[in-house]
């Protein structure tokens, strides 16, 4: 199959709702931001795969989705189930095939089953392994949760690490005022890397230790790409929010004595 024909096939699979979302979201992104997109050659042309992406702004899902939409391989995000209940936003999420995540423990595994099913259908599922916006003071990726690794070991699908930077400069994650800082015009940088080699973990029992080791390998790949985007070295150890809070509490207790 020629590249041109392959692109036509991929784009036909995008569907009406994703195209509608693109019509609404792309024009302001193109007008308001500059782009520095690299590594698109690492996005598989066909077959199911996983992307693992760092998260540093409420704006960066749009930045990353724009990048990947232009490759012809649209991502299916895991999103909070409550968002699917709204009229317009819910319709967009349902129509574009996003995957609801339920907080209730009885339904928590449903999202992972749906992710596995989507990958087995030949789709891309995007994970934010940190599970939330980074709380690292210098905006580096935190320690990751194991969901992406679990799905990767179940499906043996390629895991493409993706780093992004710039959306956080337009919309800082924990600013007191949630306002866009559009000027001077920011550059949205996105860089995809080669698949993370998880073959050493194939066939092993998915214990907590195995999943943690696979997750650390995924997060290390994302962090390395982000260091390239930022042009500066990454910290030696990823940020652990629980440990940082515990250390801050101990310091407060010591200072109060």
Protein backbone atom coordinates (compact mmCIF):
# COMPACT_ATOMS: atom_id res chain seq x y z
CA UNK A 1 0.00 0.00 0.00
CA UNK A 2 1.40 3.41 -0.97
CA UNK A 3 1.99 6.07 1.67
CA UNK A 4 -0.62 8.29 0.00
CA UNK A 5 -3.20 5.52 0.00
CA UNK A 6 -2.32 4.61 3.58
CA UNK A 7 -2.86 8.22 4.64
CA UNK A 8 -6.26 8.26 2.94
CA UNK A 9 -7.29 5.06 4.72
CA UNK A 10 -6.11 6.38 8.10
CA UNK A 11 -7.91 9.68 7.67
CA UNK A 12 -11.14 8.00 6.59
CA UNK A 13 -11.12 6.23 9.94
CA UNK A 14 -11.00 9.51 11.83
CA UNK A 15 -14.75 9.91 11.49
CA UNK A 16 -17.22 12.77 11.62
CA UNK A 17 -16.91 13.66 15.31
CA UNK A 18 -13.13 13.86 15.34
CA UNK A 19 -13.23 15.99 12.22
CA UNK A 20 -15.78 18.28 13.88
CA UNK A 21 -13.57 18.61 16.96
CA UNK A 22 -10.65 19.45 14.67
CA UNK A 23 -12.68 22.10 12.84
CA UNK A 24 -13.43 23.76 16.19
CA UNK A 25 -10.03 23.41 17.85
CA UNK A 26 -7.42 23.71 15.11
CA UNK A 27 -8.01 27.30 13.88
CA UNK A 28 -7.35 28.99 17.27
CA UNK A 29 -4.36 26.71 17.90
CA UNK A 30 -2.88 27.59 14.51
CA UNK A 31 -3.51 31.32 14.90
CA UNK A 32 -2.52 31.77 18.54
CA UNK A 33 0.52 29.48 18.81
CA UNK A 34 3.67 28.59 16.96
CA UNK A 35 4.54 24.90 16.56
CA UNK A 36 7.70 22.84 16.92
CA UNK A 37 6.68 19.28 16.04
CA UNK A 38 9.23 16.50 15.81
CA UNK A 39 9.34 12.71 15.74
CA UNK A 40 6.16 12.06 13.74
CA UNK A 41 7.98 9.25 11.98
CA UNK A 42 7.75 7.26 15.21
CA UNK A 43 3.92 7.22 15.15
CA UNK A 44 2.99 3.81 13.68
CA UNK A 45 1.30 3.93 10.27
CA UNK A 46 -1.02 1.08 11.17
CA UNK A 47 -1.95 -1.29 14.00
CA UNK A 48 -2.80 -0.62 17.60
CA UNK A 49 -0.37 1.24 19.83
CA UNK A 50 -0.06 3.27 23.02
CA UNK A 51 1.23 6.78 23.47
CA UNK A 52 2.54 7.82 26.89
CA UNK A 53 2.52 11.60 27.32
CA UNK A 54 3.67 14.02 30.04
CA UNK A 55 1.06 16.40 31.44
CA UNK A 56 1.91 19.96 32.51
CA UNK A 57 -1.08 22.12 31.52
CA UNK A 58 -4.85 21.95 31.10
CA UNK A 59 -4.13 23.05 27.54
CA UNK A 60 -1.69 20.33 26.56
CA UNK A 61 -4.29 17.66 25.58
CA UNK A 62 -5.28 19.98 22.73
CA UNK A 63 -1.65 20.60 21.78
CA UNK A 64 -0.86 16.87 21.72
CA UNK A 65 -4.14 15.93 19.98
CA UNK A 66 -3.43 18.52 17.26
CA UNK A 67 0.02 17.01 16.71
CA UNK A 68 -1.22 13.47 16.43
CA UNK A 69 -4.31 14.33 14.39
CA UNK A 70 -1.94 15.61 11.73
CA UNK A 71 -0.26 12.20 11.56
CA UNK A 72 -3.59 10.59 10.56
CA UNK A 73 -3.60 8.38 13.68
CA UNK A 74 -5.99 9.95 16.18
CA UNK A 75 -5.63 9.18 19.89
CA UNK A 76 -8.33 7.78 22.17
CA UNK A 77 -7.95 9.47 25.54
CA UNK A 78 -8.94 8.11 28.93
CA UNK A 79 -11.17 10.81 30.43
CA UNK A 80 -13.25 11.23 33.59
CA UNK A 81 -16.66 9.59 33.19
CA UNK A 82 -18.45 12.72 34.41
CA UNK A 83 -17.35 14.59 31.28
CA UNK A 84 -19.31 12.17 29.10
CA UNK A 85 -22.62 13.21 30.68
CA UNK A 86 -22.61 16.75 29.33
CA UNK A 87 -24.60 17.60 26.24
CA UNK A 88 -22.13 19.05 23.73
CA UNK A 89 -18.81 18.04 25.33
CA UNK A 90 -20.22 14.61 26.17
CA UNK A 91 -21.38 14.16 22.60
CA UNK A 92 -17.92 15.06 21.29
CA UNK A 93 -16.23 12.63 23.70
CA UNK A 94 -18.63 9.82 22.90
CA UNK A 95 -18.53 10.48 19.17
CA UNK A 96 -14.74 10.57 19.02
CA UNK A 97 -14.45 7.26 20.87
CA UNK A 98 -12.79 8.52 24.03
CA UNK A 99 -12.68 6.07 26.95
CA UNK A 100 -14.52 6.92 30.20
CA UNK A 101 -12.72 6.31 33.48
CA UNK A 102 -14.92 5.62 36.52
CA UNK A 103 -13.75 6.43 40.01
CA UNK A 104 -15.86 3.67 41.57
CA UNK A 105 -13.64 0.70 42.33
CA UNK A 106 -16.13 -1.76 40.81
CA UNK A 107 -15.87 0.00 37.44
CA UNK A 108 -12.24 1.09 37.57
CA UNK A 109 -11.03 -1.87 35.49
CA UNK A 110 -13.54 -1.14 32.71
CA UNK A 111 -11.37 1.62 31.26
CA UNK A 112 -8.40 -0.72 30.96
CA UNK A 113 -10.52 -3.40 29.28
CA UNK A 114 -11.82 -0.78 26.85
CA UNK A 115 -8.26 0.41 26.22
CA UNK A 116 -7.14 -3.15 25.47
CA UNK A 117 -10.12 -3.64 23.14
CA UNK A 118 -9.35 -0.38 21.30
CA UNK A 119 -5.70 -1.36 20.80
CA UNK A 120 -6.72 -4.81 19.57
CA UNK A 121 -8.96 -3.06 17.02
CA UNK A 122 -5.89 -1.27 15.71
CA UNK A 123 -6.40 2.09 17.43
CA UNK A 124 -4.14 4.38 19.45
CA UNK A 125 -4.83 4.85 23.15
CA UNK A 126 -3.16 7.83 24.83
CA UNK A 127 -2.11 7.56 28.47
CA UNK A 128 -0.98 10.30 30.82
CA UNK A 129 0.97 7.97 33.12
CA UNK A 130 1.34 10.60 35.84
CA UNK A 131 -2.44 10.46 36.29
CA UNK A 132 -2.69 14.22 36.84
CA UNK A 133 -0.88 17.45 36.13
CA UNK A 134 2.72 17.27 37.27
CA UNK A 135 3.39 18.72 40.69
CA UNK A 136 7.12 18.79 40.18
CA UNK A 137 8.20 22.38 41.01
CA UNK A 138 10.29 22.51 37.83
CA UNK A 139 7.63 20.89 35.63
CA UNK A 140 9.44 17.61 35.02
CA UNK A 141 7.38 14.38 34.83
CA UNK A 142 6.54 12.78 38.16
CA UNK A 143 6.62 9.10 38.97
CA UNK A 144 4.05 7.35 36.79
CA UNK A 145 1.11 5.14 37.61
CA UNK A 146 1.12 1.62 36.21
CA UNK A 147 -1.96 1.65 33.95
CA UNK A 148 -0.09 2.22 30.69
CA UNK A 149 2.43 -0.51 31.53
CA UNK A 150 -0.34 -2.94 32.44
CA UNK A 151 -2.12 -2.42 29.10
CA UNK A 152 1.19 -2.54 27.22
CA UNK A 153 2.13 -5.92 28.72
CA UNK A 154 -1.34 -7.31 28.05
CA UNK A 155 -1.38 -6.25 24.40
CA UNK A 156 2.36 -6.15 23.62
CA UNK A 157 1.53 -3.07 21.54
CA UNK A 158 4.22 -0.49 20.82
CA UNK A 159 4.52 2.21 23.49
CA UNK A 160 5.47 5.55 21.93
CA UNK A 161 6.80 8.10 24.46
CA UNK A 162 5.72 11.68 23.78
CA UNK A 163 7.05 14.81 25.47
CA UNK A 164 5.50 18.24 25.20
CA UNK A 165 6.41 21.71 26.38
CA UNK A 166 4.99 25.18 25.85
CA UNK A 167 1.33 24.76 26.74
CA UNK A 168 2.40 25.24 30.37
CA UNK A 169 3.83 28.63 29.47
CA UNK A 170 0.48 29.71 28.04
CA UNK A 171 -1.55 28.15 30.86
CA UNK A 172 0.52 27.27 33.96
CA UNK A 173 -1.01 24.29 35.76
CA UNK A 174 -1.40 25.71 39.25
CA UNK A 175 -1.65 29.45 38.64
CA UNK A 176 -4.10 31.20 40.96
CA UNK A 177 -5.79 32.77 37.95
CA UNK A 178 -6.66 30.28 35.21
CA UNK A 179 -6.01 32.71 32.36
CA UNK A 180 -4.33 32.15 29.04
CA UNK A 181 -1.03 34.00 28.61
CA UNK A 182 -1.08 34.29 24.85
CA UNK A 183 1.44 37.08 24.33
CA UNK A 184 4.19 36.96 23.46
CA UNK A 185 3.11 34.11 21.19
CA UNK A 186 4.10 30.74 22.68
CA UNK A 187 5.54 27.73 20.85
CA UNK A 188 3.84 24.38 21.43
CA UNK A 189 6.59 21.77 21.27
CA UNK A 190 5.82 18.07 20.84
CA UNK A 191 8.39 15.32 20.36
CA UNK A 192 7.65 11.61 19.87
CA UNK A 193 10.37 9.02 20.34
CA UNK A 194 10.96 5.43 19.26
CA UNK A 195 8.97 2.67 21.00
CA UNK A 196 10.00 1.82 24.55
CA UNK A 197 11.48 -1.69 24.63
CA UNK A 198 9.42 -3.63 27.18
CA UNK A 199 10.24 -7.08 25.79
CA UNK A 200 12.14 -8.04 28.97
CA UNK A 201 8.81 -7.96 30.81
CA UNK A 202 6.81 -10.06 28.33
CA UNK A 203 5.66 -13.36 29.77
CA UNK A 204 6.30 -12.30 33.36
CA UNK A 205 3.59 -12.29 35.99
CA UNK A 206 2.33 -8.67 36.17
CA UNK A 207 3.29 -8.18 39.79
CA UNK A 208 3.55 -4.75 41.36
CA UNK A 209 7.34 -4.92 40.97
CA UNK A 210 7.15 -5.80 37.26
CA UNK A 211 4.59 -3.10 36.52
CA UNK A 212 6.60 -0.55 38.46
CA UNK A 213 9.80 -1.42 36.58
CA UNK A 214 8.02 -1.19 33.20
CA UNK A 215 6.47 2.14 34.22
CA UNK A 216 9.84 3.54 35.25
CA UNK A 217 11.22 2.63 31.84
CA UNK A 218 8.33 4.42 30.11
CA UNK A 219 8.69 7.52 32.28
CA UNK A 220 12.45 7.61 31.74
CA UNK A 221 11.88 7.70 27.97
CA UNK A 222 9.38 10.57 28.27
CA UNK A 223 11.73 12.50 30.56
CA UNK A 224 14.67 12.05 28.19
CA UNK A 225 12.59 13.49 25.33
CA UNK A 226 11.49 16.41 27.49
CA UNK A 227 15.11 17.16 28.38
CA UNK A 228 15.81 17.35 24.64
CA UNK A 229 12.88 19.74 24.12
CA UNK A 230 13.90 21.93 27.04
CA UNK A 231 17.60 21.82 26.27
CA UNK A 232 18.54 21.11 29.87
CA UNK A 233 19.33 18.04 31.98
CA UNK A 234 16.52 16.24 33.78
CA UNK A 235 16.67 15.54 37.52
CA UNK A 236 18.30 12.30 38.58
CA UNK A 237 15.11 11.00 40.21
CA UNK A 238 11.47 11.63 39.26
CA UNK A 239 9.37 13.68 41.64
CA UNK A 240 7.21 11.79 44.14
CA UNK A 241 4.43 14.02 45.42
CA UNK A 242 3.58 11.87 48.45
CA UNK A 243 7.18 11.78 49.62
CA UNK A 244 7.55 15.51 49.05
CA UNK A 245 4.43 16.26 51.12
CA UNK A 246 5.60 13.97 53.91
CA UNK A 247 8.99 15.67 53.95
CA UNK A 248 7.32 19.09 54.07
CA UNK A 249 5.15 18.02 57.01
CA UNK A 250 8.20 16.72 58.91
CA UNK A 251 10.01 19.99 58.28
CA UNK A 252 7.00 22.00 59.51
CA UNK A 253 6.86 19.88 62.67
CA UNK A 254 10.57 20.35 63.30
CA UNK A 255 10.33 24.09 62.69
CA UNK A 256 7.43 24.39 65.12
CA UNK A 257 9.35 22.79 67.99
